[in-house]
Amino acid sequence: MSEKVFTEKAPGAIGPYSQAIKNGGYLFTSGQIAINPETGNVESGDIAGQTEQVMKNLGELLKAGGASFESAVKTTCFLADMNDFSVFNKIYGKYFTSNPARSCVAVKSLPKGVLCEVEVIAEIL
């Protein structure tokens, strides 16, 4: 049975979906973008600042769902520009030190004009 996960420490859903779902011993997060949950605004116009905010948001969702960056088994990353890959990758690597499986793709555009989005599947601790 699925259980919805919600925390005010990460941005609320901007559509008909949940922040995250627990199911079968795993946590599935929705894609997180660089929205500061305190202000509701997109953070920083550069890839470094936006990636840091995405990681903060994911950290709060993982914590609320009983998981962690270390328990991540798969991530999917979306970049608006593959020229941002090396900066994004460096910051991503600070958080996902267990090196989960990952897909990283370029997309034409992302919600609210952000530069990156990341979703995670993690084992619940």
PDB file of N, CA and C in Angstrom:
ATOM      1  N   MET A   1       0.834  -1.181   0.000  1.00  0.00           N
ATOM      2  CA  MET A   1       0.000   0.000   0.000  1.00  0.00           C
ATOM      3  C   MET A   1       0.882   1.249   0.000  1.00  0.00           C
ATOM      4  N   SER A   2       0.501   2.231  -0.754  1.00  0.00           N
ATOM      5  CA  SER A   2       1.258   3.473  -0.864  1.00  0.00           C
ATOM      6  C   SER A   2       0.878   4.448   0.235  1.00  0.00           C
ATOM      7  N   GLU A   3       1.884   5.248   0.632  1.00  0.00           N
ATOM      8  CA  GLU A   3       1.670   6.288   1.632  1.00  0.00           C
ATOM      9  C   GLU A   3       2.276   7.585   1.106  1.00  0.00           C
ATOM     10  N   LYS A   4       1.491   8.645   1.082  1.00  0.00           N
ATOM     11  CA  LYS A   4       1.979   9.945   0.642  1.00  0.00           C
ATOM     12  C   LYS A   4       2.907  10.532   1.691  1.00  0.00           C
ATOM     13  N   VAL A   5       3.938  11.211   1.228  1.00  0.00           N
ATOM     14  CA  VAL A   5       4.871  11.910   2.103  1.00  0.00           C
ATOM     15  C   VAL A   5       4.756  13.397   1.817  1.00  0.00           C
ATOM     16  N   PHE A   6       4.690  14.190   2.878  1.00  0.00           N
ATOM     17  CA  PHE A   6       4.615  15.640   2.727  1.00  0.00           C
ATOM     18  C   PHE A   6       5.476  16.299   3.788  1.00  0.00           C
ATOM     19  N   THR A   7       6.196  17.331   3.391  1.00  0.00           N
ATOM     20  CA  THR A   7       6.916  18.174   4.333  1.00  0.00           C
ATOM     21  C   THR A   7       6.822  19.623   3.874  1.00  0.00           C
ATOM     22  N   GLU A   8       6.661  20.526   4.815  1.00  0.00           N
ATOM     23  CA  GLU A   8       6.660  21.952   4.508  1.00  0.00           C
ATOM     24  C   GLU A   8       8.073  22.461   4.238  1.00  0.00           C
ATOM     25  N   LYS A   9       9.086  21.617   4.486  1.00  0.00           N
ATOM     26  CA  LYS A   9      10.478  22.017   4.289  1.00  0.00           C
ATOM     27  C   LYS A   9      10.940  21.827   2.849  1.00  0.00           C
ATOM     28  N   ALA A  10      10.035  21.371   1.989  1.00  0.00           N
ATOM     29  CA  ALA A  10      10.284  21.258   0.549  1.00  0.00           C
ATOM     30  C   ALA A  10       9.092  21.903  -0.154  1.00  0.00           C
ATOM     31  N   PRO A  11       9.270  22.337  -1.392  1.00  0.00           N
ATOM     32  CA  PRO A  11       8.157  22.986  -2.086  1.00  0.00           C
ATOM     33  C   PRO A  11       6.957  22.063  -2.238  1.00  0.00           C
ATOM     34  N   GLY A  12       5.780  22.631  -2.113  1.00  0.00           N
ATOM     35  CA  GLY A  12       4.567  21.865  -2.345  1.00  0.00           C
ATOM     36  C   GLY A  12       4.425  21.537  -3.819  1.00  0.00           C
ATOM     37  N   ALA A  13       3.611  20.572  -4.114  1.00  0.00           N
ATOM     38  CA  ALA A  13       3.362  20.185  -5.500  1.00  0.00           C
ATOM     39  C   ALA A  13       2.725  21.350  -6.252  1.00  0.00           C
ATOM     40  N   ILE A  14       3.143  21.560  -7.490  1.00  0.00           N
ATOM     41  CA  ILE A  14       2.551  22.615  -8.315  1.00  0.00           C
ATOM     42  C   ILE A  14       1.577  22.017  -9.335  1.00  0.00           C
ATOM     43  N   GLY A  15       1.117  20.830  -9.041  1.00  0.00           N
ATOM     44  CA  GLY A  15       0.167  20.138  -9.907  1.00  0.00           C
ATOM     45  C   GLY A  15      -0.480  18.998  -9.143  1.00  0.00           C
ATOM     46  N   PRO A  16      -1.205  18.146  -9.826  1.00  0.00           N
ATOM     47  CA  PRO A  16      -1.913  17.037  -9.174  1.00  0.00           C
ATOM     48  C   PRO A  16      -0.997  15.834  -8.924  1.00  0.00           C
ATOM     49  N   TYR A  17      -0.061  15.991  -8.001  1.00  0.00           N
ATOM     50  CA  TYR A  17       0.864  14.919  -7.640  1.00  0.00           C
ATOM     51  C   TYR A  17       1.329  15.121  -6.209  1.00  0.00           C
ATOM     52  N   SER A  18       1.988  14.121  -5.655  1.00  0.00           N
ATOM     53  CA  SER A  18       2.517  14.170  -4.291  1.00  0.00           C
ATOM     54  C   SER A  18       4.001  14.515  -4.322  1.00  0.00           C
ATOM     55  N   GLN A  19       4.499  15.085  -3.230  1.00  0.00           N
ATOM     56  CA  GLN A  19       5.934  15.352  -3.123  1.00  0.00           C
ATOM     57  C   GLN A  19       6.722  14.051  -3.216  1.00  0.00           C
ATOM     58  N   ALA A  20       6.211  13.028  -2.543  1.00  0.00           N
ATOM     59  CA  ALA A  20       6.868  11.719  -2.547  1.00  0.00           C
ATOM     60  C   ALA A  20       5.857  10.662  -2.125  1.00  0.00           C
ATOM     61  N   ILE A  21       6.183   9.404  -2.446  1.00  0.00           N
ATOM     62  CA  ILE A  21       5.330   8.262  -2.096  1.00  0.00           C
ATOM     63  C   ILE A  21       6.214   7.157  -1.527  1.00  0.00           C
ATOM     64  N   LYS A  22       5.766   6.564  -0.423  1.00  0.00           N
ATOM     65  CA  LYS A  22       6.407   5.358   0.118  1.00  0.00           C
ATOM     66  C   LYS A  22       5.644   4.156  -0.416  1.00  0.00           C
ATOM     67  N   ASN A  23       6.391   3.158  -0.888  1.00  0.00           N
ATOM     68  CA  ASN A  23       5.747   1.936  -1.355  1.00  0.00           C
ATOM     69  C   ASN A  23       6.779   0.823  -1.401  1.00  0.00           C
ATOM     70  N   GLY A  24       6.438  -0.323  -0.820  1.00  0.00           N
ATOM     71  CA  GLY A  24       7.289  -1.505  -0.910  1.00  0.00           C
ATOM     72  C   GLY A  24       8.697  -1.321  -0.372  1.00  0.00           C
ATOM     73  N   GLY A  25       8.860  -0.536   0.676  1.00  0.00           N
ATOM     74  CA  GLY A  25      10.187  -0.326   1.257  1.00  0.00           C
ATOM     75  C   GLY A  25      11.025   0.723   0.545  1.00  0.00           C
ATOM     76  N   TYR A  26      10.415   1.409  -0.404  1.00  0.00           N
ATOM     77  CA  TYR A  26      11.121   2.443  -1.165  1.00  0.00           C
ATOM     78  C   TYR A  26      10.380   3.765  -1.085  1.00  0.00           C
ATOM     79  N   LEU A  27      11.138   4.830  -1.258  1.00  0.00           N
ATOM     80  CA  LEU A  27      10.595   6.175  -1.350  1.00  0.00           C
ATOM     81  C   LEU A  27      10.817   6.657  -2.785  1.00  0.00           C
ATOM     82  N   PHE A  28       9.770   7.145  -3.395  1.00  0.00           N
ATOM     83  CA  PHE A  28       9.825   7.681  -4.747  1.00  0.00           C
ATOM     84  C   PHE A  28       9.524   9.173  -4.668  1.00  0.00           C
ATOM     85  N   THR A  29      10.505  10.015  -4.956  1.00  0.00           N
ATOM     86  CA  THR A  29      10.235  11.451  -4.910  1.00  0.00           C
ATOM     87  C   THR A  29       9.777  11.939  -6.269  1.00  0.00           C
ATOM     88  N   SER A  30       8.951  12.962  -6.243  1.00  0.00           N
ATOM     89  CA  SER A  30       8.666  13.681  -7.468  1.00  0.00           C
ATOM     90  C   SER A  30       9.890  14.523  -7.793  1.00  0.00           C
ATOM     91  N   GLY A  31       9.994  14.943  -9.024  1.00  0.00           N
ATOM     92  CA  GLY A  31      11.120  15.778  -9.415  1.00  0.00           C
ATOM     93  C   GLY A  31      11.132  17.068  -8.615  1.00  0.00           C
ATOM     94  N   GLN A  32      12.300  17.418  -8.119  1.00  0.00           N
ATOM     95  CA  GLN A  32      12.448  18.645  -7.352  1.00  0.00           C
ATOM     96  C   GLN A  32      13.179  19.680  -8.185  1.00  0.00           C
ATOM     97  N   ILE A  33      12.656  20.909  -8.129  1.00  0.00           N
ATOM     98  CA  ILE A  33      13.289  22.020  -8.808  1.00  0.00           C
ATOM     99  C   ILE A  33      13.742  23.029  -7.765  1.00  0.00           C
ATOM    100  N   ALA A  34      14.381  24.095  -8.218  1.00  0.00           N
ATOM    101  CA  ALA A  34      15.043  25.044  -7.312  1.00  0.00           C
ATOM    102  C   ALA A  34      14.091  26.073  -6.718  1.00  0.00           C
ATOM    103  N   ILE A  35      12.996  25.614  -6.149  1.00  0.00           N
ATOM    104  CA  ILE A  35      12.077  26.518  -5.455  1.00  0.00           C
ATOM    105  C   ILE A  35      12.424  26.514  -3.971  1.00  0.00           C
ATOM    106  N   ASN A  36      12.600  27.694  -3.417  1.00  0.00           N
ATOM    107  CA  ASN A  36      12.821  27.832  -1.982  1.00  0.00           C
ATOM    108  C   ASN A  36      11.465  27.677  -1.299  1.00  0.00           C
ATOM    109  N   PRO A  37      11.286  26.681  -0.434  1.00  0.00           N
ATOM    110  CA  PRO A  37       9.967  26.453   0.174  1.00  0.00           C
ATOM    111  C   PRO A  37       9.529  27.585   1.098  1.00  0.00           C
ATOM    112  N   GLU A  38      10.473  28.376   1.602  1.00  0.00           N
ATOM    113  CA  GLU A  38      10.115  29.485   2.494  1.00  0.00           C
ATOM    114  C   GLU A  38       9.523  30.658   1.728  1.00  0.00           C
ATOM    115  N   THR A  39      10.018  30.901   0.523  1.00  0.00           N
ATOM    116  CA  THR A  39       9.555  32.052  -0.251  1.00  0.00           C
ATOM    117  C   THR A  39       8.630  31.672  -1.395  1.00  0.00           C
ATOM    118  N   GLY A  40       8.729  30.423  -1.847  1.00  0.00           N
ATOM    119  CA  GLY A  40       7.960  29.989  -3.001  1.00  0.00           C
ATOM    120  C   GLY A  40       8.561  30.456  -4.319  1.00  0.00           C
ATOM    121  N   ASN A  41       9.747  31.048  -4.255  1.00  0.00           N
ATOM    122  CA  ASN A  41      10.405  31.578  -5.442  1.00  0.00           C
ATOM    123  C   ASN A  41      11.529  30.666  -5.910  1.00  0.00           C
ATOM    124  N   VAL A  42      11.834  30.747  -7.201  1.00  0.00           N
ATOM    125  CA  VAL A  42      12.982  30.033  -7.755  1.00  0.00           C
ATOM    126  C   VAL A  42      14.244  30.702  -7.227  1.00  0.00           C
ATOM    127  N   GLU A  43      15.176  29.882  -6.773  1.00  0.00           N
ATOM    128  CA  GLU A  43      16.441  30.374  -6.241  1.00  0.00           C
ATOM    129  C   GLU A  43      17.467  30.590  -7.331  1.00  0.00           C
ATOM    130  N   SER A  44      18.308  31.562  -7.161  1.00  0.00           N
ATOM    131  CA  SER A  44      19.498  31.818  -7.959  1.00  0.00           C
ATOM    132  C   SER A  44      19.325  31.515  -9.440  1.00  0.00           C
ATOM    133  N   GLY A  45      19.828  32.376 -10.255  1.00  0.00           N
ATOM    134  CA  GLY A  45      19.710  32.184 -11.683  1.00  0.00           C
ATOM    135  C   GLY A  45      20.766  31.298 -12.291  1.00  0.00           C
ATOM    136  N   ASP A  46      21.758  30.832 -11.490  1.00  0.00           N
ATOM    137  CA  ASP A  46      22.812  30.000 -12.081  1.00  0.00           C
ATOM    138  C   ASP A  46      22.652  28.541 -11.688  1.00  0.00           C
ATOM    139  N   ILE A  47      23.301  27.674 -12.447  1.00  0.00           N
ATOM    140  CA  ILE A  47      23.152  26.231 -12.237  1.00  0.00           C
ATOM    141  C   ILE A  47      23.664  25.796 -10.865  1.00  0.00           C
ATOM    142  N   ALA A  48      24.732  26.402 -10.370  1.00  0.00           N
ATOM    143  CA  ALA A  48      25.270  26.013  -9.062  1.00  0.00           C
ATOM    144  C   ALA A  48      24.257  26.296  -7.952  1.00  0.00           C
ATOM    145  N   GLY A  49      23.710  27.491  -7.914  1.00  0.00           N
ATOM    146  CA  GLY A  49      22.735  27.838  -6.882  1.00  0.00           C
ATOM    147  C   GLY A  49      21.467  27.019  -6.992  1.00  0.00           C
ATOM    148  N   GLN A  50      21.020  26.787  -8.217  1.00  0.00           N
ATOM    149  CA  GLN A  50      19.803  25.997  -8.393  1.00  0.00           C
ATOM    150  C   GLN A  50      20.026  24.540  -8.007  1.00  0.00           C
ATOM    151  N   THR A  51      21.177  23.992  -8.353  1.00  0.00           N
ATOM    152  CA  THR A  51      21.455  22.595  -7.983  1.00  0.00           C
ATOM    153  C   THR A  51      21.509  22.447  -6.469  1.00  0.00           C
ATOM    154  N   GLU A  52      22.147  23.382  -5.780  1.00  0.00           N
ATOM    155  CA  GLU A  52      22.189  23.339  -4.305  1.00  0.00           C
ATOM    156  C   GLU A  52      20.780  23.364  -3.718  1.00  0.00           C
ATOM    157  N   GLN A  53      19.898  24.210  -4.244  1.00  0.00           N
ATOM    158  CA  GLN A  53      18.526  24.274  -3.731  1.00  0.00           C
ATOM    159  C   GLN A  53      17.778  22.974  -4.007  1.00  0.00           C
ATOM    160  N   VAL A  54      17.971  22.393  -5.178  1.00  0.00           N
ATOM    161  CA  VAL A  54      17.344  21.109  -5.487  1.00  0.00           C
ATOM    162  C   VAL A  54      17.792  20.055  -4.482  1.00  0.00           C
ATOM    163  N   MET A  55      19.073  20.017  -4.166  1.00  0.00           N
ATOM    164  CA  MET A  55      19.598  19.031  -3.210  1.00  0.00           C
ATOM    165  C   MET A  55      19.034  19.267  -1.813  1.00  0.00           C
ATOM    166  N   LYS A  56      18.899  20.520  -1.408  1.00  0.00           N
ATOM    167  CA  LYS A  56      18.275  20.822  -0.106  1.00  0.00           C
ATOM    168  C   LYS A  56      16.840  20.292  -0.085  1.00  0.00           C
ATOM    169  N   ASN A  57      16.099  20.554  -1.151  1.00  0.00           N
ATOM    170  CA  ASN A  57      14.712  20.084  -1.223  1.00  0.00           C
ATOM    171  C   ASN A  57      14.640  18.556  -1.174  1.00  0.00           C
ATOM    172  N   LEU A  58      15.503  17.904  -1.945  1.00  0.00           N
ATOM    173  CA  LEU A  58      15.527  16.435  -1.925  1.00  0.00           C
ATOM    174  C   LEU A  58      15.901  15.909  -0.545  1.00  0.00           C
ATOM    175  N   GLY A  59      16.876  16.532   0.101  1.00  0.00           N
ATOM    176  CA  GLY A  59      17.285  16.110   1.443  1.00  0.00           C
ATOM    177  C   GLY A  59      16.125  16.142   2.418  1.00  0.00           C
ATOM    178  N   GLU A  60      15.314  17.175   2.349  1.00  0.00           N
ATOM    179  CA  GLU A  60      14.149  17.283   3.239  1.00  0.00           C
ATOM    180  C   GLU A  60      13.102  16.223   2.922  1.00  0.00           C
ATOM    181  N   LEU A  61      12.883  15.947   1.646  1.00  0.00           N
ATOM    182  CA  LEU A  61      11.923  14.896   1.275  1.00  0.00           C
ATOM    183  C   LEU A  61      12.416  13.521   1.687  1.00  0.00           C
ATOM    184  N   LEU A  62      13.702  13.263   1.445  1.00  0.00           N
ATOM    185  CA  LEU A  62      14.262  11.973   1.846  1.00  0.00           C
ATOM    186  C   LEU A  62      14.123  11.780   3.351  1.00  0.00           C
ATOM    187  N   LYS A  63      14.453  12.804   4.113  1.00  0.00           N
ATOM    188  CA  LYS A  63      14.341  12.744   5.578  1.00  0.00           C
ATOM    189  C   LYS A  63      12.887  12.502   6.003  1.00  0.00           C
ATOM    190  N   ALA A  64      11.962  13.252   5.425  1.00  0.00           N
ATOM    191  CA  ALA A  64      10.545  13.109   5.776  1.00  0.00           C
ATOM    192  C   ALA A  64      10.022  11.713   5.436  1.00  0.00           C
ATOM    193  N   GLY A  65      10.598  11.096   4.413  1.00  0.00           N
ATOM    194  CA  GLY A  65      10.158   9.776   3.995  1.00  0.00           C
ATOM    195  C   GLY A  65      10.932   8.633   4.619  1.00  0.00           C
ATOM    196  N   GLY A  66      11.865   8.936   5.539  1.00  0.00           N
ATOM    197  CA  GLY A  66      12.615   7.880   6.217  1.00  0.00           C
ATOM    198  C   GLY A  66      13.759   7.322   5.393  1.00  0.00           C
ATOM    199  N   ALA A  67      14.265   8.110   4.456  1.00  0.00           N
ATOM    200  CA  ALA A  67      15.380   7.679   3.612  1.00  0.00           C
ATOM    201  C   ALA A  67      16.504   8.715   3.713  1.00  0.00           C
ATOM    202  N   SER A  68      17.508   8.566   2.875  1.00  0.00           N
ATOM    203  CA  SER A  68      18.635   9.498   2.893  1.00  0.00           C
ATOM    204  C   SER A  68      19.310   9.497   1.521  1.00  0.00           C
ATOM    205  N   PHE A  69      20.220  10.434   1.321  1.00  0.00           N
ATOM    206  CA  PHE A  69      21.007  10.433   0.085  1.00  0.00           C
ATOM    207  C   PHE A  69      21.762   9.112  -0.051  1.00  0.00           C
ATOM    208  N   GLU A  70      22.262   8.590   1.056  1.00  0.00           N
ATOM    209  CA  GLU A  70      23.041   7.355   1.036  1.00  0.00           C
ATOM    210  C   GLU A  70      22.195   6.133   0.674  1.00  0.00           C
ATOM    211  N   SER A  71      20.883   6.205   0.915  1.00  0.00           N
ATOM    212  CA  SER A  71      20.031   5.054   0.599  1.00  0.00           C
ATOM    213  C   SER A  71      19.419   5.149  -0.797  1.00  0.00           C
ATOM    214  N   ALA A  72      19.798   6.170  -1.554  1.00  0.00           N
ATOM    215  CA  ALA A  72      19.292   6.324  -2.921  1.00  0.00           C
ATOM    216  C   ALA A  72      19.804   5.178  -3.791  1.00  0.00           C
ATOM    217  N   VAL A  73      18.923   4.623  -4.604  1.00  0.00           N
ATOM    218  CA  VAL A  73      19.318   3.556  -5.525  1.00  0.00           C
ATOM    219  C   VAL A  73      19.247   4.004  -6.981  1.00  0.00           C
ATOM    220  N   LYS A  74      18.466   5.063  -7.270  1.00  0.00           N
ATOM    221  CA  LYS A  74      18.330   5.541  -8.652  1.00  0.00           C
ATOM    222  C   LYS A  74      17.923   7.005  -8.644  1.00  0.00           C
ATOM    223  N   THR A  75      18.550   7.781  -9.501  1.00  0.00           N
ATOM    224  CA  THR A  75      18.131   9.162  -9.698  1.00  0.00           C
ATOM    225  C   THR A  75      17.892   9.396 -11.185  1.00  0.00           C
ATOM    226  N   THR A  76      17.036  10.341 -11.456  1.00  0.00           N
ATOM    227  CA  THR A  76      16.849  10.816 -12.818  1.00  0.00           C
ATOM    228  C   THR A  76      17.029  12.326 -12.772  1.00  0.00           C
ATOM    229  N   CYS A  77      17.930  12.813 -13.614  1.00  0.00           N
ATOM    230  CA  CYS A  77      18.282  14.225 -13.620  1.00  0.00           C
ATOM    231  C   CYS A  77      17.931  14.827 -14.971  1.00  0.00           C
ATOM    232  N   PHE A  78      17.399  16.023 -14.929  1.00  0.00           N
ATOM    233  CA  PHE A  78      17.002  16.737 -16.134  1.00  0.00           C
ATOM    234  C   PHE A  78      17.731  18.074 -16.157  1.00  0.00           C
ATOM    235  N   LEU A  79      18.407  18.372 -17.242  1.00  0.00           N
ATOM    236  CA  LEU A  79      19.110  19.639 -17.396  1.00  0.00           C
ATOM    237  C   LEU A  79      18.547  20.394 -18.596  1.00  0.00           C
ATOM    238  N   ALA A  80      18.362  21.694 -18.435  1.00  0.00           N
ATOM    239  CA  ALA A  80      17.897  22.517 -19.541  1.00  0.00           C
ATOM    240  C   ALA A  80      19.018  22.744 -20.554  1.00  0.00           C
ATOM    241  N   ASP A  81      20.273  22.577 -20.107  1.00  0.00           N
ATOM    242  CA  ASP A  81      21.417  22.799 -20.992  1.00  0.00           C
ATOM    243  C   ASP A  81      22.549  21.860 -20.585  1.00  0.00           C
ATOM    244  N   MET A  82      22.948  20.967 -21.462  1.00  0.00           N
ATOM    245  CA  MET A  82      24.030  20.022 -21.146  1.00  0.00           C
ATOM    246  C   MET A  82      25.374  20.717 -20.924  1.00  0.00           C
ATOM    247  N   ASN A  83      25.491  21.973 -21.300  1.00  0.00           N
ATOM    248  CA  ASN A  83      26.711  22.722 -20.983  1.00  0.00           C
ATOM    249  C   ASN A  83      26.855  22.933 -19.482  1.00  0.00           C
ATOM    250  N   ASP A  84      25.770  22.745 -18.728  1.00  0.00           N
ATOM    251  CA  ASP A  84      25.792  22.874 -17.267  1.00  0.00           C
ATOM    252  C   ASP A  84      26.175  21.563 -16.586  1.00  0.00           C
ATOM    253  N   PHE A  85      26.403  20.505 -17.354  1.00  0.00           N
ATOM    254  CA  PHE A  85      26.622  19.171 -16.792  1.00  0.00           C
ATOM    255  C   PHE A  85      27.763  19.124 -15.781  1.00  0.00           C
ATOM    256  N   SER A  86      28.919  19.695 -16.088  1.00  0.00           N
ATOM    257  CA  SER A  86      30.070  19.554 -15.178  1.00  0.00           C
ATOM    258  C   SER A  86      29.826  20.256 -13.847  1.00  0.00           C
ATOM    259  N   VAL A  87      29.215  21.431 -13.854  1.00  0.00           N
ATOM    260  CA  VAL A  87      28.915  22.130 -12.593  1.00  0.00           C
ATOM    261  C   VAL A  87      27.856  21.349 -11.816  1.00  0.00           C
ATOM    262  N   PHE A  88      26.797  20.940 -12.513  1.00  0.00           N
ATOM    263  CA  PHE A  88      25.744  20.142 -11.877  1.00  0.00           C
ATOM    264  C   PHE A  88      26.327  18.872 -11.273  1.00  0.00           C
ATOM    265  N   ASN A  89      27.149  18.172 -12.037  1.00  0.00           N
ATOM    266  CA  ASN A  89      27.710  16.893 -11.616  1.00  0.00           C
ATOM    267  C   ASN A  89      28.571  17.038 -10.362  1.00  0.00           C
ATOM    268  N   LYS A  90      29.339  18.098 -10.288  1.00  0.00           N
ATOM    269  CA  LYS A  90      30.207  18.337  -9.124  1.00  0.00           C
ATOM    270  C   LYS A  90      29.369  18.499  -7.849  1.00  0.00           C
ATOM    271  N   ILE A  91      28.313  19.274  -7.930  1.00  0.00           N
ATOM    272  CA  ILE A  91      27.451  19.494  -6.758  1.00  0.00           C
ATOM    273  C   ILE A  91      26.660  18.231  -6.438  1.00  0.00           C
ATOM    274  N   TYR A  92      26.117  17.581  -7.445  1.00  0.00           N
ATOM    275  CA  TYR A  92      25.389  16.318  -7.270  1.00  0.00           C
ATOM    276  C   TYR A  92      26.260  15.317  -6.518  1.00  0.00           C
ATOM    277  N   GLY A  93      27.527  15.220  -6.896  1.00  0.00           N
ATOM    278  CA  GLY A  93      28.453  14.265  -6.285  1.00  0.00           C
ATOM    279  C   GLY A  93      28.718  14.510  -4.812  1.00  0.00           C
ATOM    280  N   LYS A  94      28.559  15.738  -4.343  1.00  0.00           N
ATOM    281  CA  LYS A  94      28.721  16.039  -2.909  1.00  0.00           C
ATOM    282  C   LYS A  94      27.619  15.398  -2.074  1.00  0.00           C
ATOM    283  N   TYR A  95      26.463  15.217  -2.675  1.00  0.00           N
ATOM    284  CA  TYR A  95      25.304  14.694  -1.959  1.00  0.00           C
ATOM    285  C   TYR A  95      25.118  13.192  -2.168  1.00  0.00           C
ATOM    286  N   PHE A  96      25.228  12.739  -3.388  1.00  0.00           N
ATOM    287  CA  PHE A  96      25.008  11.330  -3.703  1.00  0.00           C
ATOM    288  C   PHE A  96      26.345  10.586  -3.699  1.00  0.00           C
ATOM    289  N   THR A  97      26.924  10.469  -2.515  1.00  0.00           N
ATOM    290  CA  THR A  97      28.255   9.857  -2.373  1.00  0.00           C
ATOM    291  C   THR A  97      28.233   8.346  -2.544  1.00  0.00           C
ATOM    292  N   SER A  98      27.048   7.736  -2.484  1.00  0.00           N
ATOM    293  CA  SER A  98      26.957   6.282  -2.655  1.00  0.00           C
ATOM    294  C   SER A  98      26.883   5.885  -4.135  1.00  0.00           C
ATOM    295  N   ASN A  99      26.888   6.881  -5.020  1.00  0.00           N
ATOM    296  CA  ASN A  99      26.865   6.648  -6.467  1.00  0.00           C
ATOM    297  C   ASN A  99      25.712   5.750  -6.927  1.00  0.00           C
ATOM    298  N   PRO A 100      24.453   6.188  -6.706  1.00  0.00           N
ATOM    299  CA  PRO A 100      23.327   5.384  -7.176  1.00  0.00           C
ATOM    300  C   PRO A 100      23.295   5.347  -8.704  1.00  0.00           C
ATOM    301  N   ALA A 101      22.528   4.432  -9.250  1.00  0.00           N
ATOM    302  CA  ALA A 101      22.303   4.423 -10.692  1.00  0.00           C
ATOM    303  C   ALA A 101      21.679   5.767 -11.069  1.00  0.00           C
ATOM    304  N   ARG A 102      21.970   6.240 -12.285  1.00  0.00           N
ATOM    305  CA  ARG A 102      21.483   7.569 -12.661  1.00  0.00           C
ATOM    306  C   ARG A 102      21.269   7.674 -14.157  1.00  0.00           C
ATOM    307  N   SER A 103      20.258   8.425 -14.508  1.00  0.00           N
ATOM    308  CA  SER A 103      20.059   8.886 -15.873  1.00  0.00           C
ATOM    309  C   SER A 103      20.130  10.407 -15.821  1.00  0.00           C
ATOM    310  N   CYS A 104      20.747  11.017 -16.823  1.00  0.00           N
ATOM    311  CA  CYS A 104      20.818  12.476 -16.887  1.00  0.00           C
ATOM    312  C   CYS A 104      20.570  12.872 -18.335  1.00  0.00           C
ATOM    313  N   VAL A 105      19.516  13.631 -18.551  1.00  0.00           N
ATOM    314  CA  VAL A 105      19.135  13.994 -19.909  1.00  0.00           C
ATOM    315  C   VAL A 105      18.912  15.494 -20.035  1.00  0.00           C
ATOM    316  N   ALA A 106      19.112  15.985 -21.239  1.00  0.00           N
ATOM    317  CA  ALA A 106      18.779  17.373 -21.546  1.00  0.00           C
ATOM    318  C   ALA A 106      17.324  17.423 -22.001  1.00  0.00           C
ATOM    319  N   VAL A 107      16.646  18.464 -21.585  1.00  0.00           N
ATOM    320  CA  VAL A 107      15.258  18.663 -21.965  1.00  0.00           C
ATOM    321  C   VAL A 107      15.102  20.060 -22.550  1.00  0.00           C
ATOM    322  N   LYS A 108      14.046  20.245 -23.290  1.00  0.00           N
ATOM    323  CA  LYS A 108      13.831  21.540 -23.937  1.00  0.00           C
ATOM    324  C   LYS A 108      13.580  22.643 -22.914  1.00  0.00           C
ATOM    325  N   SER A 109      12.779  22.356 -21.909  1.00  0.00           N
ATOM    326  CA  SER A 109      12.511  23.329 -20.854  1.00  0.00           C
ATOM    327  C   SER A 109      11.991  22.603 -19.618  1.00  0.00           C
ATOM    328  N   LEU A 110      12.048  23.295 -18.488  1.00  0.00           N
ATOM    329  CA  LEU A 110      11.590  22.748 -17.210  1.00  0.00           C
ATOM    330  C   LEU A 110      10.602  23.724 -16.577  1.00  0.00           C
ATOM    331  N   PRO A 111       9.788  23.247 -15.620  1.00  0.00           N
ATOM    332  CA  PRO A 111       8.813  24.136 -14.980  1.00  0.00           C
ATOM    333  C   PRO A 111       9.468  25.387 -14.394  1.00  0.00           C
ATOM    334  N   LYS A 112       8.776  26.496 -14.531  1.00  0.00           N
ATOM    335  CA  LYS A 112       9.193  27.781 -13.972  1.00  0.00           C
ATOM    336  C   LYS A 112      10.527  28.267 -14.525  1.00  0.00           C
ATOM    337  N   GLY A 113      10.951  27.711 -15.650  1.00  0.00           N
ATOM    338  CA  GLY A 113      12.175  28.155 -16.290  1.00  0.00           C
ATOM    339  C   GLY A 113      13.457  27.778 -15.564  1.00  0.00           C
ATOM    340  N   VAL A 114      13.388  26.772 -14.671  1.00  0.00           N
ATOM    341  CA  VAL A 114      14.579  26.362 -13.923  1.00  0.00           C
ATOM    342  C   VAL A 114      15.566  25.643 -14.833  1.00  0.00           C
ATOM    343  N   LEU A 115      16.777  25.477 -14.325  1.00  0.00           N
ATOM    344  CA  LEU A 115      17.861  24.888 -15.100  1.00  0.00           C
ATOM    345  C   LEU A 115      18.040  23.392 -14.864  1.00  0.00           C
ATOM    346  N   CYS A 116      17.500  22.871 -13.742  1.00  0.00           N
ATOM    347  CA  CYS A 116      17.655  21.445 -13.453  1.00  0.00           C
ATOM    348  C   CYS A 116      16.496  20.937 -12.603  1.00  0.00           C
ATOM    349  N   GLU A 117      16.315  19.623 -12.664  1.00  0.00           N
ATOM    350  CA  GLU A 117      15.313  18.926 -11.860  1.00  0.00           C
ATOM    351  C   GLU A 117      15.866  17.535 -11.579  1.00  0.00           C
ATOM    352  N   VAL A 118      15.602  17.037 -10.355  1.00  0.00           N
ATOM    353  CA  VAL A 118      16.104  15.712  -9.979  1.00  0.00           C
ATOM    354  C   VAL A 118      15.010  14.969  -9.222  1.00  0.00           C
ATOM    355  N   GLU A 119      14.839  13.684  -9.560  1.00  0.00           N
ATOM    356  CA  GLU A 119      13.939  12.797  -8.806  1.00  0.00           C
ATOM    357  C   GLU A 119      14.762  11.624  -8.303  1.00  0.00           C
ATOM    358  N   VAL A 120      14.299  11.012  -7.208  1.00  0.00           N
ATOM    359  CA  VAL A 120      15.077   9.971  -6.541  1.00  0.00           C
ATOM    360  C   VAL A 120      14.183   8.783  -6.166  1.00  0.00           C
ATOM    361  N   ILE A 121      14.745   7.593  -6.265  1.00  0.00           N
ATOM    362  CA  ILE A 121      14.170   6.390  -5.663  1.00  0.00           C
ATOM    363  C   ILE A 121      15.170   5.946  -4.608  1.00  0.00           C
ATOM    364  N   ALA A 122      14.718   5.794  -3.370  1.00  0.00           N
ATOM    365  CA  ALA A 122      15.617   5.434  -2.271  1.00  0.00           C
ATOM    366  C   ALA A 122      14.991   4.370  -1.401  1.00  0.00           C
ATOM    367  N   GLU A 123      15.840   3.537  -0.811  1.00  0.00           N
ATOM    368  CA  GLU A 123      15.376   2.553   0.166  1.00  0.00           C
ATOM    369  C   GLU A 123      15.030   3.294   1.462  1.00  0.00           C
ATOM    370  N   ILE A 124      13.925   2.896   2.060  1.00  0.00           N
ATOM    371  CA  ILE A 124      13.557   3.456   3.355  1.00  0.00           C
ATOM    372  C   ILE A 124      14.411   2.777   4.412  1.00  0.00           C
ATOM    373  N   LEU A 125      14.991   3.577   5.279  1.00  0.00           N
ATOM    374  CA  LEU A 125      15.916   3.049   6.300  1.00  0.00           C
ATOM    375  C   LEU A 125      15.159   2.415   7.458  1.00  0.00           C
TER     376      LEU A 125
END
